[in-house]
């Protein structure tokens, strides 16, 4: 979300912008965890990082959809 959009909106809009930044931070942490787990030999179970990334992407898209109101025809 741009700073202009946050300045024009309500506290909810600002909070949703914060959520988006937190999603970005979570994505970075998950990428780091995924990179460090590649060499974990003998691991019986592996975390589904691609599924997790997909869930974060869907969350981000939902937030963006609500931040961008539909345009009148």
PDB file of N, CA and C in Angstrom:
ATOM      1  N   UNK A   1       0.845  -1.168   0.000  1.00  0.00           N
ATOM      2  CA  UNK A   1       0.000   0.000   0.000  1.00  0.00           C
ATOM      3  C   UNK A   1       0.890   1.230   0.000  1.00  0.00           C
ATOM      4  N   UNK A   2       0.532   2.228  -0.766  1.00  0.00           N
ATOM      5  CA  UNK A   2       1.330   3.442  -0.831  1.00  0.00           C
ATOM      6  C   UNK A   2       1.024   4.339   0.361  1.00  0.00           C
ATOM      7  N   UNK A   3       1.952   5.240   0.644  1.00  0.00           N
ATOM      8  CA  UNK A   3       1.730   6.172   1.739  1.00  0.00           C
ATOM      9  C   UNK A   3       0.539   7.074   1.450  1.00  0.00           C
ATOM     10  N   UNK A   4       0.340   7.418   0.183  1.00  0.00           N
ATOM     11  CA  UNK A   4      -0.800   8.249  -0.189  1.00  0.00           C
ATOM     12  C   UNK A   4      -2.117   7.583   0.134  1.00  0.00           C
ATOM     13  N   UNK A   5      -2.205   6.280  -0.129  1.00  0.00           N
ATOM     14  CA  UNK A   5      -3.440   5.547   0.161  1.00  0.00           C
ATOM     15  C   UNK A   5      -3.682   5.507   1.659  1.00  0.00           C
ATOM     16  N   UNK A   6      -2.632   5.342   2.449  1.00  0.00           N
ATOM     17  CA  UNK A   6      -2.793   5.304   3.901  1.00  0.00           C
ATOM     18  C   UNK A   6      -3.232   6.660   4.429  1.00  0.00           C
ATOM     19  N   UNK A   7      -2.698   7.742   3.841  1.00  0.00           N
ATOM     20  CA  UNK A   7      -3.038   9.077   4.303  1.00  0.00           C
ATOM     21  C   UNK A   7      -4.483   9.428   3.981  1.00  0.00           C
ATOM     22  N   UNK A   8      -5.024   8.864   2.929  1.00  0.00           N
ATOM     23  CA  UNK A   8      -6.386   9.155   2.524  1.00  0.00           C
ATOM     24  C   UNK A   8      -7.416   8.347   3.292  1.00  0.00           C
ATOM     25  N   UNK A   9      -7.000   7.273   3.905  1.00  0.00           N
ATOM     26  CA  UNK A   9      -7.959   6.345   4.479  1.00  0.00           C
ATOM     27  C   UNK A   9      -8.175   6.496   5.962  1.00  0.00           C
ATOM     28  N   UNK A  10      -8.805   5.487   6.470  1.00  0.00           N
ATOM     29  CA  UNK A  10      -9.163   5.396   7.880  1.00  0.00           C
ATOM     30  C   UNK A  10      -8.071   4.646   8.640  1.00  0.00           C
ATOM     31  N   UNK A  11      -8.205   4.576   9.961  1.00  0.00           N
ATOM     32  CA  UNK A  11      -7.241   3.761  10.717  1.00  0.00           C
ATOM     33  C   UNK A  11      -7.221   2.305  10.240  1.00  0.00           C
ATOM     34  N   UNK A  12      -8.361   1.811   9.788  1.00  0.00           N
ATOM     35  CA  UNK A  12      -8.403   0.444   9.266  1.00  0.00           C
ATOM     36  C   UNK A  12      -7.469   0.293   8.072  1.00  0.00           C
ATOM     37  N   UNK A  13      -7.466   1.264   7.196  1.00  0.00           N
ATOM     38  CA  UNK A  13      -6.605   1.240   6.011  1.00  0.00           C
ATOM     39  C   UNK A  13      -5.139   1.215   6.424  1.00  0.00           C
ATOM     40  N   UNK A  14      -4.821   2.005   7.428  1.00  0.00           N
ATOM     41  CA  UNK A  14      -3.454   2.050   7.943  1.00  0.00           C
ATOM     42  C   UNK A  14      -3.078   0.702   8.566  1.00  0.00           C
ATOM     43  N   UNK A  15      -4.002   0.125   9.317  1.00  0.00           N
ATOM     44  CA  UNK A  15      -3.755  -1.177   9.940  1.00  0.00           C
ATOM     45  C   UNK A  15      -3.555  -2.264   8.892  1.00  0.00           C
ATOM     46  N   UNK A  16      -4.324  -2.219   7.817  1.00  0.00           N
ATOM     47  CA  UNK A  16      -4.167  -3.214   6.752  1.00  0.00           C
ATOM     48  C   UNK A  16      -2.818  -3.047   6.051  1.00  0.00           C
ATOM     49  N   UNK A  17      -2.353  -1.821   5.935  1.00  0.00           N
ATOM     50  CA  UNK A  17      -1.014  -1.586   5.395  1.00  0.00           C
ATOM     51  C   UNK A  17       0.047  -2.208   6.295  1.00  0.00           C
ATOM     52  N   UNK A  18      -0.158  -2.089   7.607  1.00  0.00           N
ATOM     53  CA  UNK A  18       0.760  -2.704   8.565  1.00  0.00           C
ATOM     54  C   UNK A  18       0.730  -4.225   8.418  1.00  0.00           C
ATOM     55  N   UNK A  19      -0.438  -4.793   8.249  1.00  0.00           N
ATOM     56  CA  UNK A  19      -0.559  -6.243   8.059  1.00  0.00           C
ATOM     57  C   UNK A  19       0.227  -6.670   6.821  1.00  0.00           C
ATOM     58  N   UNK A  20       0.133  -5.899   5.747  1.00  0.00           N
ATOM     59  CA  UNK A  20       0.870  -6.236   4.525  1.00  0.00           C
ATOM     60  C   UNK A  20       2.378  -6.207   4.773  1.00  0.00           C
ATOM     61  N   UNK A  21       2.855  -5.234   5.523  1.00  0.00           N
ATOM     62  CA  UNK A  21       4.295  -5.181   5.828  1.00  0.00           C
ATOM     63  C   UNK A  21       4.699  -6.374   6.702  1.00  0.00           C
ATOM     64  N   UNK A  22       3.827  -6.771   7.596  1.00  0.00           N
ATOM     65  CA  UNK A  22       4.121  -7.930   8.435  1.00  0.00           C
ATOM     66  C   UNK A  22       4.134  -9.219   7.607  1.00  0.00           C
ATOM     67  N   UNK A  23       3.246  -9.309   6.625  1.00  0.00           N
ATOM     68  CA  UNK A  23       3.261 -10.470   5.727  1.00  0.00           C
ATOM     69  C   UNK A  23       4.599 -10.530   4.996  1.00  0.00           C
ATOM     70  N   UNK A  24       5.096  -9.384   4.548  1.00  0.00           N
ATOM     71  CA  UNK A  24       6.392  -9.337   3.879  1.00  0.00           C
ATOM     72  C   UNK A  24       7.490  -9.850   4.807  1.00  0.00           C
ATOM     73  N   UNK A  25       7.458  -9.424   6.068  1.00  0.00           N
ATOM     74  CA  UNK A  25       8.460  -9.884   7.036  1.00  0.00           C
ATOM     75  C   UNK A  25       8.347 -11.394   7.248  1.00  0.00           C
ATOM     76  N   UNK A  26       7.132 -11.910   7.317  1.00  0.00           N
ATOM     77  CA  UNK A  26       6.924 -13.352   7.492  1.00  0.00           C
ATOM     78  C   UNK A  26       7.446 -14.110   6.282  1.00  0.00           C
ATOM     79  N   UNK A  27       7.216 -13.568   5.089  1.00  0.00           N
ATOM     80  CA  UNK A  27       7.731 -14.213   3.874  1.00  0.00           C
ATOM     81  C   UNK A  27       9.251 -14.325   3.919  1.00  0.00           C
ATOM     82  N   UNK A  28       9.915 -13.260   4.350  1.00  0.00           N
ATOM     83  CA  UNK A  28      11.379 -13.271   4.440  1.00  0.00           C
ATOM     84  C   UNK A  28      11.860 -14.308   5.456  1.00  0.00           C
ATOM     85  N   UNK A  29      11.190 -14.377   6.599  1.00  0.00           N
ATOM     86  CA  UNK A  29      11.565 -15.360   7.619  1.00  0.00           C
ATOM     87  C   UNK A  29      11.327 -16.785   7.127  1.00  0.00           C
ATOM     88  N   UNK A  30      10.233 -17.003   6.427  1.00  0.00           N
ATOM     89  CA  UNK A  30       9.933 -18.338   5.901  1.00  0.00           C
ATOM     90  C   UNK A  30      10.954 -18.736   4.836  1.00  0.00           C
ATOM     91  N   UNK A  31      11.356 -17.792   3.992  1.00  0.00           N
ATOM     92  CA  UNK A  31      12.387 -18.078   2.987  1.00  0.00           C
ATOM     93  C   UNK A  31      13.703 -18.468   3.658  1.00  0.00           C
ATOM     94  N   UNK A  32      14.055 -17.750   4.722  1.00  0.00           N
ATOM     95  CA  UNK A  32      15.284 -18.063   5.441  1.00  0.00           C
ATOM     96  C   UNK A  32      15.192 -19.448   6.090  1.00  0.00           C
ATOM     97  N   UNK A  33      14.051 -19.743   6.703  1.00  0.00           N
ATOM     98  CA  UNK A  33      13.871 -21.056   7.333  1.00  0.00           C
ATOM     99  C   UNK A  33      13.916 -22.164   6.294  1.00  0.00           C
ATOM    100  N   UNK A  34      13.307 -21.923   5.138  1.00  0.00           N
ATOM    101  CA  UNK A  34      13.313 -22.914   4.064  1.00  0.00           C
ATOM    102  C   UNK A  34      14.735 -23.165   3.566  1.00  0.00           C
ATOM    103  N   UNK A  35      15.493 -22.096   3.414  1.00  0.00           N
ATOM    104  CA  UNK A  35      16.882 -22.230   2.951  1.00  0.00           C
ATOM    105  C   UNK A  35      17.728 -23.012   3.941  1.00  0.00           C
ATOM    106  N   UNK A  36      17.506 -22.780   5.225  1.00  0.00           N
ATOM    107  CA  UNK A  36      18.315 -23.466   6.228  1.00  0.00           C
ATOM    108  C   UNK A  36      17.876 -24.909   6.440  1.00  0.00           C
ATOM    109  N   UNK A  37      16.670 -25.256   6.012  1.00  0.00           N
ATOM    110  CA  UNK A  37      16.181 -26.625   6.217  1.00  0.00           C
ATOM    111  C   UNK A  37      16.510 -27.543   5.045  1.00  0.00           C
ATOM    112  N   UNK A  38      17.033 -26.993   3.955  1.00  0.00           N
ATOM    113  CA  UNK A  38      17.330 -27.796   2.767  1.00  0.00           C
ATOM    114  C   UNK A  38      18.295 -28.924   3.088  1.00  0.00           C
ATOM    115  N   UNK A  39      19.274 -28.650   3.915  1.00  0.00           N
ATOM    116  CA  UNK A  39      20.278 -29.662   4.230  1.00  0.00           C
ATOM    117  C   UNK A  39      19.931 -30.532   5.429  1.00  0.00           C
ATOM    118  N   UNK A  40      18.698 -30.476   5.903  1.00  0.00           N
ATOM    119  CA  UNK A  40      18.303 -31.264   7.081  1.00  0.00           C
ATOM    120  C   UNK A  40      18.108 -32.716   6.684  1.00  0.00           C
ATOM    121  N   UNK A  41      19.211 -33.455   6.681  1.00  0.00           N
ATOM    122  CA  UNK A  41      19.168 -34.865   6.289  1.00  0.00           C
ATOM    123  C   UNK A  41      18.437 -35.674   7.346  1.00  0.00           C
ATOM    124  N   UNK A  42      17.670 -36.626   6.889  1.00  0.00           N
ATOM    125  CA  UNK A  42      16.980 -37.525   7.788  1.00  0.00           C
ATOM    126  C   UNK A  42      15.722 -36.960   8.418  1.00  0.00           C
ATOM    127  N   UNK A  43      15.311 -35.786   7.990  1.00  0.00           N
ATOM    128  CA  UNK A  43      14.087 -35.214   8.548  1.00  0.00           C
ATOM    129  C   UNK A  43      12.897 -36.054   8.099  1.00  0.00           C
ATOM    130  N   UNK A  44      12.109 -36.458   9.062  1.00  0.00           N
ATOM    131  CA  UNK A  44      10.963 -37.314   8.739  1.00  0.00           C
ATOM    132  C   UNK A  44       9.845 -36.513   8.080  1.00  0.00           C
ATOM    133  N   UNK A  45       9.635 -35.325   8.579  1.00  0.00           N
ATOM    134  CA  UNK A  45       8.594 -34.453   8.031  1.00  0.00           C
ATOM    135  C   UNK A  45       9.215 -33.112   7.667  1.00  0.00           C
ATOM    136  N   UNK A  46       8.706 -32.534   6.607  1.00  0.00           N
ATOM    137  CA  UNK A  46       9.165 -31.211   6.196  1.00  0.00           C
ATOM    138  C   UNK A  46       7.982 -30.264   6.159  1.00  0.00           C
ATOM    139  N   UNK A  47       8.220 -29.054   6.585  1.00  0.00           N
ATOM    140  CA  UNK A  47       7.184 -28.029   6.545  1.00  0.00           C
ATOM    141  C   UNK A  47       6.864 -27.708   5.094  1.00  0.00           C
ATOM    142  N   UNK A  48       5.605 -27.493   4.783  1.00  0.00           N
ATOM    143  CA  UNK A  48       5.163 -27.193   3.418  1.00  0.00           C
ATOM    144  C   UNK A  48       5.329 -25.691   3.148  1.00  0.00           C
ATOM    145  N   UNK A  49       6.559 -25.293   2.813  1.00  0.00           N
ATOM    146  CA  UNK A  49       6.839 -23.876   2.579  1.00  0.00           C
ATOM    147  C   UNK A  49       6.104 -23.325   1.364  1.00  0.00           C
ATOM    148  N   UNK A  50       5.948 -24.126   0.322  1.00  0.00           N
ATOM    149  CA  UNK A  50       5.227 -23.617  -0.861  1.00  0.00           C
ATOM    150  C   UNK A  50       3.757 -23.404  -0.537  1.00  0.00           C
ATOM    151  N   UNK A  51       3.159 -24.286   0.238  1.00  0.00           N
ATOM    152  CA  UNK A  51       1.772 -24.100   0.655  1.00  0.00           C
ATOM    153  C   UNK A  51       1.616 -22.890   1.557  1.00  0.00           C
ATOM    154  N   UNK A  52       2.590 -22.699   2.457  1.00  0.00           N
ATOM    155  CA  UNK A  52       2.586 -21.552   3.348  1.00  0.00           C
ATOM    156  C   UNK A  52       2.690 -20.254   2.546  1.00  0.00           C
ATOM    157  N   UNK A  53       3.584 -20.236   1.561  1.00  0.00           N
ATOM    158  CA  UNK A  53       3.745 -19.052   0.702  1.00  0.00           C
ATOM    159  C   UNK A  53       2.458 -18.770  -0.061  1.00  0.00           C
ATOM    160  N   UNK A  54       1.780 -19.824  -0.511  1.00  0.00           N
ATOM    161  CA  UNK A  54       0.510 -19.646  -1.212  1.00  0.00           C
ATOM    162  C   UNK A  54      -0.553 -19.034  -0.312  1.00  0.00           C
ATOM    163  N   UNK A  55      -0.584 -19.457   0.951  1.00  0.00           N
ATOM    164  CA  UNK A  55      -1.528 -18.886   1.904  1.00  0.00           C
ATOM    165  C   UNK A  55      -1.261 -17.415   2.154  1.00  0.00           C
ATOM    166  N   UNK A  56       0.013 -17.056   2.290  1.00  0.00           N
ATOM    167  CA  UNK A  56       0.366 -15.650   2.474  1.00  0.00           C
ATOM    168  C   UNK A  56      -0.010 -14.824   1.246  1.00  0.00           C
ATOM    169  N   UNK A  57       0.187 -15.405   0.077  1.00  0.00           N
ATOM    170  CA  UNK A  57      -0.166 -14.703  -1.166  1.00  0.00           C
ATOM    171  C   UNK A  57      -1.675 -14.442  -1.223  1.00  0.00           C
ATOM    172  N   UNK A  58      -2.470 -15.436  -0.842  1.00  0.00           N
ATOM    173  CA  UNK A  58      -3.927 -15.261  -0.838  1.00  0.00           C
ATOM    174  C   UNK A  58      -4.352 -14.190   0.170  1.00  0.00           C
ATOM    175  N   UNK A  59      -3.687 -14.160   1.321  1.00  0.00           N
ATOM    176  CA  UNK A  59      -3.990 -13.126   2.313  1.00  0.00           C
ATOM    177  C   UNK A  59      -3.679 -11.742   1.753  1.00  0.00           C
ATOM    178  N   UNK A  60      -2.510 -11.620   1.126  1.00  0.00           N
ATOM    179  CA  UNK A  60      -2.112 -10.330   0.551  1.00  0.00           C
ATOM    180  C   UNK A  60      -3.101  -9.878  -0.529  1.00  0.00           C
ATOM    181  N   UNK A  61      -3.513 -10.810  -1.384  1.00  0.00           N
ATOM    182  CA  UNK A  61      -4.465 -10.481  -2.445  1.00  0.00           C
ATOM    183  C   UNK A  61      -5.813 -10.045  -1.864  1.00  0.00           C
ATOM    184  N   UNK A  62      -6.256 -10.703  -0.798  1.00  0.00           N
ATOM    185  CA  UNK A  62      -7.513 -10.324  -0.157  1.00  0.00           C
ATOM    186  C   UNK A  62      -7.461  -8.922   0.413  1.00  0.00           C
ATOM    187  N   UNK A  63      -6.335  -8.584   1.038  1.00  0.00           N
ATOM    188  CA  UNK A  63      -6.167  -7.243   1.590  1.00  0.00           C
ATOM    189  C   UNK A  63      -6.146  -6.218   0.460  1.00  0.00           C
ATOM    190  N   UNK A  64      -5.392  -6.492  -0.592  1.00  0.00           N
ATOM    191  CA  UNK A  64      -5.302  -5.551  -1.715  1.00  0.00           C
ATOM    192  C   UNK A  64      -6.659  -5.357  -2.372  1.00  0.00           C
ATOM    193  N   UNK A  65      -7.428  -6.430  -2.468  1.00  0.00           N
ATOM    194  CA  UNK A  65      -8.763  -6.337  -3.065  1.00  0.00           C
ATOM    195  C   UNK A  65      -9.643  -5.384  -2.261  1.00  0.00           C
ATOM    196  N   UNK A  66      -9.522  -5.421  -0.937  1.00  0.00           N
ATOM    197  CA  UNK A  66     -10.327  -4.559  -0.100  1.00  0.00           C
ATOM    198  C   UNK A  66      -9.803  -3.124  -0.045  1.00  0.00           C
ATOM    199  N   UNK A  67      -8.510  -2.954  -0.297  1.00  0.00           N
ATOM    200  CA  UNK A  67      -7.940  -1.600  -0.307  1.00  0.00           C
ATOM    201  C   UNK A  67      -8.227  -0.874  -1.614  1.00  0.00           C
ATOM    202  N   UNK A  68      -8.428  -1.629  -2.686  1.00  0.00           N
ATOM    203  CA  UNK A  68      -8.687  -1.033  -3.995  1.00  0.00           C
ATOM    204  C   UNK A  68     -10.174  -1.177  -4.301  1.00  0.00           C
ATOM    205  N   UNK A  69     -10.968  -0.145  -4.020  1.00  0.00           N
ATOM    206  CA  UNK A  69     -12.408  -0.248  -4.263  1.00  0.00           C
ATOM    207  C   UNK A  69     -12.705  -0.415  -5.749  1.00  0.00           C
ATOM    208  N   UNK A  70     -13.819  -1.106  -6.067  1.00  0.00           N
ATOM    209  CA  UNK A  70     -14.160  -1.269  -7.478  1.00  0.00           C
ATOM    210  C   UNK A  70     -14.478   0.080  -8.116  1.00  0.00           C
ATOM    211  N   UNK A  71     -14.117   0.195  -9.350  1.00  0.00           N
ATOM    212  CA  UNK A  71     -14.354   1.442 -10.079  1.00  0.00           C
ATOM    213  C   UNK A  71     -15.724   1.416 -10.753  1.00  0.00           C
ATOM    214  N   UNK A  72     -16.354   2.557 -10.759  1.00  0.00           N
ATOM    215  CA  UNK A  72     -17.655   2.651 -11.413  1.00  0.00           C
ATOM    216  C   UNK A  72     -17.473   2.595 -12.927  1.00  0.00           C
ATOM    217  N   UNK A  73     -18.393   1.928 -13.631  1.00  0.00           N
ATOM    218  CA  UNK A  73     -18.275   1.849 -15.096  1.00  0.00           C
ATOM    219  C   UNK A  73     -18.530   3.159 -15.780  1.00  0.00           C
TER     220      UNK A  73
END
